[in-house]
C-alpha atoms as a PDB file:
ATOM      1  CA  MET A   1      -7.360 -23.666 -69.658  1.00  0.00           C
ATOM      2  CA  LEU A   2      -8.892 -25.605 -72.536  1.00  0.00           C
ATOM      3  CA  THR A   3     -12.295 -27.166 -73.026  1.00  0.00           C
ATOM      4  CA  ARG A   4     -12.575 -30.716 -71.725  1.00  0.00           C
ATOM      5  CA  ASN A   5     -15.144 -33.486 -71.298  1.00  0.00           C
ATOM      6  CA  PHE A   6     -16.838 -32.306 -74.480  1.00  0.00           C
ATOM      7  CA  GLU A   7     -18.866 -35.470 -75.004  1.00  0.00           C
ATOM      8  CA  ARG A   8     -20.209 -35.224 -71.464  1.00  0.00           C
ATOM      9  CA  LEU A   9     -21.107 -31.569 -72.021  1.00  0.00           C
ATOM     10  CA  LYS A  10     -22.923 -32.433 -75.226  1.00  0.00           C
ATOM     11  CA  SER A  11     -24.805 -35.256 -73.492  1.00  0.00           C
ATOM     12  CA  GLU A  12     -25.812 -33.025 -70.571  1.00  0.00           C
ATOM     13  CA  VAL A  13     -27.131 -30.312 -72.870  1.00  0.00           C
ATOM     14  CA  THR A  14     -29.012 -32.801 -75.049  1.00  0.00           C
ATOM     15  CA  ALA A  15     -30.539 -34.523 -72.013  1.00  0.00           C
ATOM     16  CA  HIS A  16     -31.780 -31.269 -70.487  1.00  0.00           C
ATOM     17  CA  VAL A  17     -33.248 -30.023 -73.755  1.00  0.00           C
ATOM     18  CA  SER A  18     -34.903 -33.379 -74.536  1.00  0.00           C
ATOM     19  CA  ALA A  19     -36.413 -33.571 -71.031  1.00  0.00           C
ATOM     20  CA  ASP A  20     -37.677 -29.962 -71.267  1.00  0.00           C
ATOM     21  CA  ARG A  21     -35.600 -29.035 -68.217  1.00  0.00           C
ATOM     22  CA  VAL A  22     -34.208 -25.775 -69.580  1.00  0.00           C
ATOM     23  CA  ALA A  23     -35.966 -22.631 -68.375  1.00  0.00           C
ATOM     24  CA  GLN A  24     -35.177 -19.111 -67.299  1.00  0.00           C
ATOM     25  CA  GLY A  25     -35.489 -17.679 -63.815  1.00  0.00           C
ATOM     26  CA  SER A  26     -34.434 -20.670 -61.720  1.00  0.00           C
ATOM     27  CA  TYR A  27     -30.960 -21.930 -60.860  1.00  0.00           C
ATOM     28  CA  GLU A  28     -32.217 -25.493 -61.212  1.00  0.00           C
ATOM     29  CA  THR A  29     -33.120 -25.045 -64.873  1.00  0.00           C
ATOM     30  CA  CYS A  30     -31.104 -22.029 -66.039  1.00  0.00           C
ATOM     31  CA  PHE A  31     -28.027 -22.038 -68.255  1.00  0.00           C
ATOM     32  CA  ILE A  32     -25.604 -22.466 -65.364  1.00  0.00           C
ATOM     33  CA  GLY A  33     -27.846 -24.686 -63.264  1.00  0.00           C
ATOM     34  CA  CYS A  34     -28.346 -27.200 -66.063  1.00  0.00           C
ATOM     35  CA  LEU A  35     -24.594 -27.734 -66.259  1.00  0.00           C
ATOM     36  CA  ALA A  36     -23.777 -27.381 -62.551  1.00  0.00           C
ATOM     37  CA  ASN A  37     -26.208 -29.785 -60.903  1.00  0.00           C
ATOM     38  CA  GLY A  38     -28.872 -27.161 -60.255  1.00  0.00           C
ATOM     39  CA  HIS A  39     -26.592 -24.630 -58.570  1.00  0.00           C
ATOM     40  CA  ASP A  40     -25.298 -21.163 -59.431  1.00  0.00           C
ATOM     41  CA  ASP A  41     -21.770 -22.511 -59.757  1.00  0.00           C
ATOM     42  CA  PRO A  42     -19.867 -21.332 -62.846  1.00  0.00           C
ATOM     43  CA  GLU A  43     -16.639 -22.516 -61.200  1.00  0.00           C
ATOM     44  CA  PHE A  44     -17.980 -26.084 -61.466  1.00  0.00           C
ATOM     45  CA  ILE A  45     -18.501 -25.540 -65.191  1.00  0.00           C
ATOM     46  CA  GLU A  46     -15.000 -24.105 -65.501  1.00  0.00           C
ATOM     47  CA  ASN A  47     -13.471 -27.089 -63.717  1.00  0.00           C
ATOM     48  CA  GLN A  48     -15.560 -29.750 -65.451  1.00  0.00           C
ATOM     49  CA  TYR A  49     -15.709 -28.407 -68.983  1.00  0.00           C
ATOM     50  CA  GLY A  50     -12.981 -25.759 -69.294  1.00  0.00           C
ATOM     51  CA  ILE A  51     -15.456 -22.967 -70.041  1.00  0.00           C
ATOM     52  CA  PRO A  52     -14.098 -19.817 -68.359  1.00  0.00           C
ATOM     53  CA  PHE A  53     -16.089 -18.262 -65.524  1.00  0.00           C
ATOM     54  CA  MET A  54     -16.394 -15.015 -67.485  1.00  0.00           C
ATOM     55  CA  VAL A  55     -17.794 -16.730 -70.587  1.00  0.00           C
ATOM     56  CA  THR A  56     -20.321 -18.665 -68.509  1.00  0.00           C
ATOM     57  CA  ARG A  57     -21.572 -15.501 -66.806  1.00  0.00           C
ATOM     58  CA  ILE A  58     -21.927 -13.728 -70.152  1.00  0.00           C
ATOM     59  CA  ALA A  59     -23.809 -16.722 -71.575  1.00  0.00           C
ATOM     60  CA  GLU A  60     -26.105 -16.808 -68.553  1.00  0.00           C
ATOM     61  CA  SER A  61     -26.886 -13.109 -68.929  1.00  0.00           C
ATOM     62  CA  ILE A  62     -27.751 -13.574 -72.605  1.00  0.00           C
ATOM     63  CA  PHE A  63     -29.795 -16.703 -71.835  1.00  0.00           C
ATOM     64  CA  GLU A  64     -31.925 -14.866 -69.272  1.00  0.00           C
ATOM     65  CA  GLY A  65     -32.577 -11.973 -71.658  1.00  0.00           C
ATOM     66  CA  LEU A  66     -33.793 -13.999 -74.638  1.00  0.00           C
ATOM     67  CA  ARG A  67     -37.346 -15.119 -75.320  1.00  0.00           C
ATOM     68  CA  SER A  68     -37.936 -18.529 -73.764  1.00  0.00           C
ATOM     69  CA  ASN A  69     -37.786 -20.536 -77.001  1.00  0.00           C
ATOM     70  CA  GLU A  70     -34.696 -18.654 -78.149  1.00  0.00           C
ATOM     71  CA  ALA A  71     -33.030 -19.241 -74.768  1.00  0.00           C
ATOM     72  CA  ILE A  72     -33.425 -23.011 -75.159  1.00  0.00           C
ATOM     73  CA  LEU A  73     -32.009 -22.916 -78.689  1.00  0.00           C
ATOM     74  CA  PHE A  74     -29.077 -20.822 -77.457  1.00  0.00           C
ATOM     75  CA  PHE A  75     -28.337 -23.319 -74.678  1.00  0.00           C
ATOM     76  CA  ALA A  76     -28.475 -26.162 -77.213  1.00  0.00           C
ATOM     77  CA  ALA A  77     -26.111 -24.315 -79.565  1.00  0.00           C
ATOM     78  CA  ILE A  78     -23.261 -23.974 -77.071  1.00  0.00           C
ATOM     79  CA  PRO A  79     -21.772 -27.488 -77.586  1.00  0.00           C
ATOM     80  CA  GLN A  80     -21.995 -27.071 -81.344  1.00  0.00           C
ATOM     81  CA  ALA A  81     -20.043 -23.797 -81.083  1.00  0.00           C
ATOM     82  CA  ILE A  82     -17.400 -25.395 -78.835  1.00  0.00           C
ATOM     83  CA  GLY A  83     -17.093 -28.414 -81.094  1.00  0.00           C
ATOM     84  CA  SER A  84     -14.384 -30.378 -79.301  1.00  0.00           C
ATOM     85  CA  ASP A  85     -12.028 -30.712 -76.383  1.00  0.00           C
ATOM     86  CA  GLY A  86      -8.935 -28.531 -76.430  1.00  0.00           C
ATOM     87  CA  LYS A  87     -10.529 -25.222 -77.394  1.00  0.00           C
ATOM     88  CA  ASP A  88      -9.054 -22.115 -75.773  1.00  0.00           C
ATOM     89  CA  LEU A  89     -11.915 -19.822 -74.712  1.00  0.00           C
ATOM     90  CA  SER A  90      -9.779 -17.611 -72.457  1.00  0.00           C
ATOM     91  CA  ARG A  91     -10.007 -14.546 -74.713  1.00  0.00           C
ATOM     92  CA  VAL A  92     -13.651 -14.904 -75.718  1.00  0.00           C
ATOM     93  CA  GLY A  93     -15.001 -12.816 -72.841  1.00  0.00           C
ATOM     94  CA  TRP A  94     -12.733  -9.868 -73.550  1.00  0.00           C
ATOM     95  CA  LYS A  95     -13.471  -9.967 -77.281  1.00  0.00           C
ATOM     96  CA  PHE A  96     -17.179 -10.020 -76.491  1.00  0.00           C
ATOM     97  CA  LEU A  97     -16.952  -6.962 -74.214  1.00  0.00           C
ATOM     98  CA  ALA A  98     -14.917  -5.005 -76.759  1.00  0.00           C
ATOM     99  CA  GLU A  99     -17.416  -5.758 -79.517  1.00  0.00           C
ATOM    100  CA  GLU A 100     -20.298  -4.753 -77.240  1.00  0.00           C
ATOM    101  CA  LEU A 101     -18.764  -1.325 -76.748  1.00  0.00           C
ATOM    102  CA  ARG A 102     -18.112  -1.012 -80.465  1.00  0.00           C
ATOM    103  CA  ALA A 103     -21.766  -1.838 -81.152  1.00  0.00           C
ATOM    104  CA  LEU A 104     -23.007   1.285 -79.401  1.00  0.00           C
ATOM    105  CA  GLN A 105     -24.917   3.811 -81.426  1.00  0.00           C
ATOM    106  CA  PRO A 106     -23.000   7.053 -82.131  1.00  0.00           C
ATOM    107  CA  VAL A 107     -22.542   9.161 -79.003  1.00  0.00           C
ATOM    108  CA  PRO A 108     -21.266  12.677 -78.313  1.00  0.00           C
ATOM    109  CA  ASP A 109     -17.529  13.115 -78.556  1.00  0.00           C
ATOM    110  CA  ASP A 110     -17.023  13.499 -74.813  1.00  0.00           C
ATOM    111  CA  ILE A 111     -18.731  10.145 -74.156  1.00  0.00           C
ATOM    112  CA  GLN A 112     -16.822   8.463 -76.978  1.00  0.00           C
ATOM    113  CA  ALA A 113     -13.605   9.815 -75.481  1.00  0.00           C
ATOM    114  CA  CYS A 114     -14.386   7.776 -72.357  1.00  0.00           C
ATOM    115  CA  ILE A 115     -15.367   4.659 -74.280  1.00  0.00           C
ATOM    116  CA  ASP A 116     -12.391   4.479 -76.650  1.00  0.00           C
ATOM    117  CA  PRO A 117      -9.699   3.893 -73.977  1.00  0.00           C
ATOM    118  CA  VAL A 118     -11.821   1.100 -72.505  1.00  0.00           C
ATOM    119  CA  ILE A 119     -12.163  -0.562 -75.917  1.00  0.00           C
ATOM    120  CA  ASN A 120      -8.431  -0.234 -76.512  1.00  0.00           C
ATOM    121  CA  GLY A 121      -7.620  -1.688 -73.103  1.00  0.00           C
ATOM    122  CA  ILE A 122      -9.983  -4.635 -73.484  1.00  0.00           C
ATOM    123  CA  ASP A 123      -8.542  -5.257 -76.964  1.00  0.00           C
ATOM    124  CA  LEU A 124      -5.131  -5.637 -75.317  1.00  0.00           C
ATOM    125  CA  LEU A 125      -6.529  -8.149 -72.824  1.00  0.00           C
ATOM    126  CA  ALA A 126      -8.167 -10.042 -75.699  1.00  0.00           C
ATOM    127  CA  GLU A 127      -4.702 -10.380 -77.224  1.00  0.00           C
ATOM    128  CA  ALA A 128      -3.256 -11.593 -73.884  1.00  0.00           C
ATOM    129  CA  LYS A 129      -1.308  -8.344 -73.520  1.00  0.00           C
ATOM    130  CA  GLU A 130      -1.011  -5.901 -70.635  1.00  0.00           C
ATOM    131  CA  TRP A 131      -3.388  -2.966 -70.267  1.00  0.00           C
ATOM    132  CA  PRO A 132      -1.081  -0.209 -68.948  1.00  0.00           C
ATOM    133  CA  LYS A 133      -2.611   1.924 -66.243  1.00  0.00           C
ATOM    134  CA  ALA A 134      -1.400   5.052 -68.021  1.00  0.00           C
ATOM    135  CA  ALA A 135      -3.746   4.214 -70.897  1.00  0.00           C
ATOM    136  CA  ALA A 136      -6.771   4.508 -68.596  1.00  0.00           C
ATOM    137  CA  CYS A 137      -6.871   8.275 -68.978  1.00  0.00           C
ATOM    138  CA  SER A 138     -10.436   8.989 -67.821  1.00  0.00           C
ATOM    139  CA  ALA A 139     -12.313   8.141 -64.646  1.00  0.00           C
ATOM    140  CA  ALA A 140     -14.527   5.668 -66.503  1.00  0.00           C
ATOM    141  CA  ALA A 141     -11.558   4.049 -68.188  1.00  0.00           C
ATOM    142  CA  ALA A 142      -9.684   3.911 -64.888  1.00  0.00           C
ATOM    143  CA  ALA A 143     -12.612   2.138 -63.236  1.00  0.00           C
ATOM    144  CA  ALA A 144     -12.816  -0.366 -66.070  1.00  0.00           C
ATOM    145  CA  TYR A 145      -9.048  -0.818 -65.927  1.00  0.00           C
ATOM    146  CA  THR A 146      -9.196  -1.618 -62.212  1.00  0.00           C
ATOM    147  CA  ALA A 147     -11.980  -4.145 -62.754  1.00  0.00           C
ATOM    148  CA  ALA A 148     -10.188  -5.720 -65.691  1.00  0.00           C
ATOM    149  CA  ARG A 149      -6.957  -6.074 -63.730  1.00  0.00           C
ATOM    150  CA  ALA A 150      -8.920  -7.809 -60.992  1.00  0.00           C
ATOM    151  CA  ALA A 151     -10.391 -10.137 -63.579  1.00  0.00           C
ATOM    152  CA  ALA A 152      -6.950 -10.948 -64.904  1.00  0.00           C
ATOM    153  CA  ALA A 153      -6.290 -12.239 -61.396  1.00  0.00           C
ATOM    154  CA  ASN A 154      -9.326 -14.563 -61.692  1.00  0.00           C
ATOM    155  CA  ALA A 155     -11.963 -12.126 -60.344  1.00  0.00           C
ATOM    156  CA  TYR A 156     -13.975 -12.423 -63.568  1.00  0.00           C
ATOM    157  CA  THR A 157     -17.327 -11.579 -62.001  1.00  0.00           C
ATOM    158  CA  ALA A 158     -16.191  -8.124 -60.913  1.00  0.00           C
ATOM    159  CA  ALA A 159     -14.779  -7.360 -64.325  1.00  0.00           C
ATOM    160  CA  TYR A 160     -17.828  -8.490 -66.239  1.00  0.00           C
ATOM    161  CA  ALA A 161     -20.171  -6.633 -63.895  1.00  0.00           C
ATOM    162  CA  ALA A 162     -18.150  -3.435 -64.253  1.00  0.00           C
ATOM    163  CA  ALA A 163     -17.808  -3.645 -68.023  1.00  0.00           C
ATOM    164  CA  ASN A 164     -21.424  -4.693 -68.484  1.00  0.00           C
ATOM    165  CA  ALA A 165     -22.636  -1.832 -66.278  1.00  0.00           C
ATOM    166  CA  TYR A 166     -20.438   0.603 -68.163  1.00  0.00           C
ATOM    167  CA  ALA A 167     -21.793  -0.625 -71.483  1.00  0.00           C
ATOM    168  CA  ALA A 168     -25.358  -0.483 -70.185  1.00  0.00           C
ATOM    169  CA  ASN A 169     -24.921   3.150 -69.111  1.00  0.00           C
ATOM    170  CA  ALA A 170     -23.477   4.033 -72.476  1.00  0.00           C
ATOM    171  CA  TYR A 171     -26.373   2.246 -74.193  1.00  0.00           C
ATOM    172  CA  ALA A 172     -28.832   4.365 -72.236  1.00  0.00           C
ATOM    173  CA  ALA A 173     -26.963   7.570 -73.008  1.00  0.00           C
ATOM    174  CA  ALA A 174     -26.865   6.719 -76.700  1.00  0.00           C
ATOM    175  CA  ASN A 175     -30.442   5.421 -77.042  1.00  0.00           C
ATOM    176  CA  ALA A 176     -29.048   2.043 -78.109  1.00  0.00           C
ATOM    177  CA  TYR A 177     -30.814  -0.951 -79.630  1.00  0.00           C
ATOM    178  CA  ALA A 178     -33.999  -2.382 -78.206  1.00  0.00           C
ATOM    179  CA  ALA A 179     -33.245  -4.994 -75.544  1.00  0.00           C
ATOM    180  CA  ALA A 180     -34.590  -7.937 -77.522  1.00  0.00           C
ATOM    181  CA  ASP A 181     -32.577  -7.093 -80.632  1.00  0.00           C
ATOM    182  CA  ALA A 182     -29.472  -6.502 -78.528  1.00  0.00           C
ATOM    183  CA  ARG A 183     -29.773  -9.931 -76.922  1.00  0.00           C
ATOM    184  CA  LEU A 184     -30.064 -11.644 -80.300  1.00  0.00           C
ATOM    185  CA  ARG A 185     -26.988  -9.802 -81.495  1.00  0.00           C
ATOM    186  CA  GLN A 186     -25.143 -10.755 -78.290  1.00  0.00           C
ATOM    187  CA  ARG A 187     -26.198 -14.379 -78.727  1.00  0.00           C
ATOM    188  CA  ASP A 188     -24.847 -14.501 -82.267  1.00  0.00           C
ATOM    189  CA  LEU A 189     -21.644 -12.714 -81.268  1.00  0.00           C
ATOM    190  CA  LEU A 190     -20.869 -15.051 -78.380  1.00  0.00           C
ATOM    191  CA  LEU A 191     -21.542 -18.187 -80.413  1.00  0.00           C
ATOM    192  CA  ARG A 192     -19.334 -16.890 -83.209  1.00  0.00           C
ATOM    193  CA  LEU A 193     -16.463 -16.043 -80.861  1.00  0.00           C
ATOM    194  CA  ILE A 194     -16.671 -19.464 -79.215  1.00  0.00           C
ATOM    195  CA  SER A 195     -16.740 -21.161 -82.601  1.00  0.00           C
ATOM    196  CA  GLU A 196     -13.729 -19.155 -83.830  1.00  0.00           C
ATOM    197  CA  ALA A 197     -11.617 -19.763 -80.708  1.00  0.00           C
ATOM    198  CA  PRO A 198      -8.423 -21.716 -81.413  1.00  0.00           C
ATOM    199  CA  ILE A 199      -7.920 -25.371 -80.607  1.00  0.00           C
ATOM    200  CA  THR A 200      -4.743 -26.321 -78.737  1.00  0.00           C
ATOM    201  CA  LYS A 201      -3.528 -29.870 -78.313  1.00  0.00           C
ATOM    202  CA  GLU A 202      -2.397 -29.684 -74.716  1.00  0.00           C
ATOM    203  CA  ASP A 203      -3.825 -27.851 -71.711  1.00  0.00           C
ATOM    204  CA  SER A 204      -1.218 -25.734 -70.042  1.00  0.00           C
END
């Protein structure tokens, strides 16, 4: 799947920002709602614009966690990061999750031993490779493996929820960054990964 209808996406984003119709906390004005006719429908965004379900859910989560003015600027920056039709965003979600786990503050060795196999497995998915079940050597890694395998079969929501919850628990255990700083870092990371995604001439 590649990005499509880029000019329409850019126009929709510009129109919502110009009309001050971008706001948190409501599906009619949120990140997804602004692009999906006021509904919580990331599949619509995937079908219309070629933005993967997983990437849209991650973007929505970041959008809701930013300060209101920063959320609007983030929404407005998405088309600029995409840049054109034909961009392959299929690996962006996995790269984002791997970097999130790498961004954790130092943790005890036993916790890190659970995190490392998850990072390694998600790295494989980010490279469009298989994550062998044998590599999921701990209970936490096995749970993440199961969720990731489901996501590979188009159940992206389950995978993101599992990985995000896992990361959130690790954040708490490690006394990670303040929420506001973490969201800004996540915003910058997602925009960078979208911007760096490759452009392919033909959708497969």
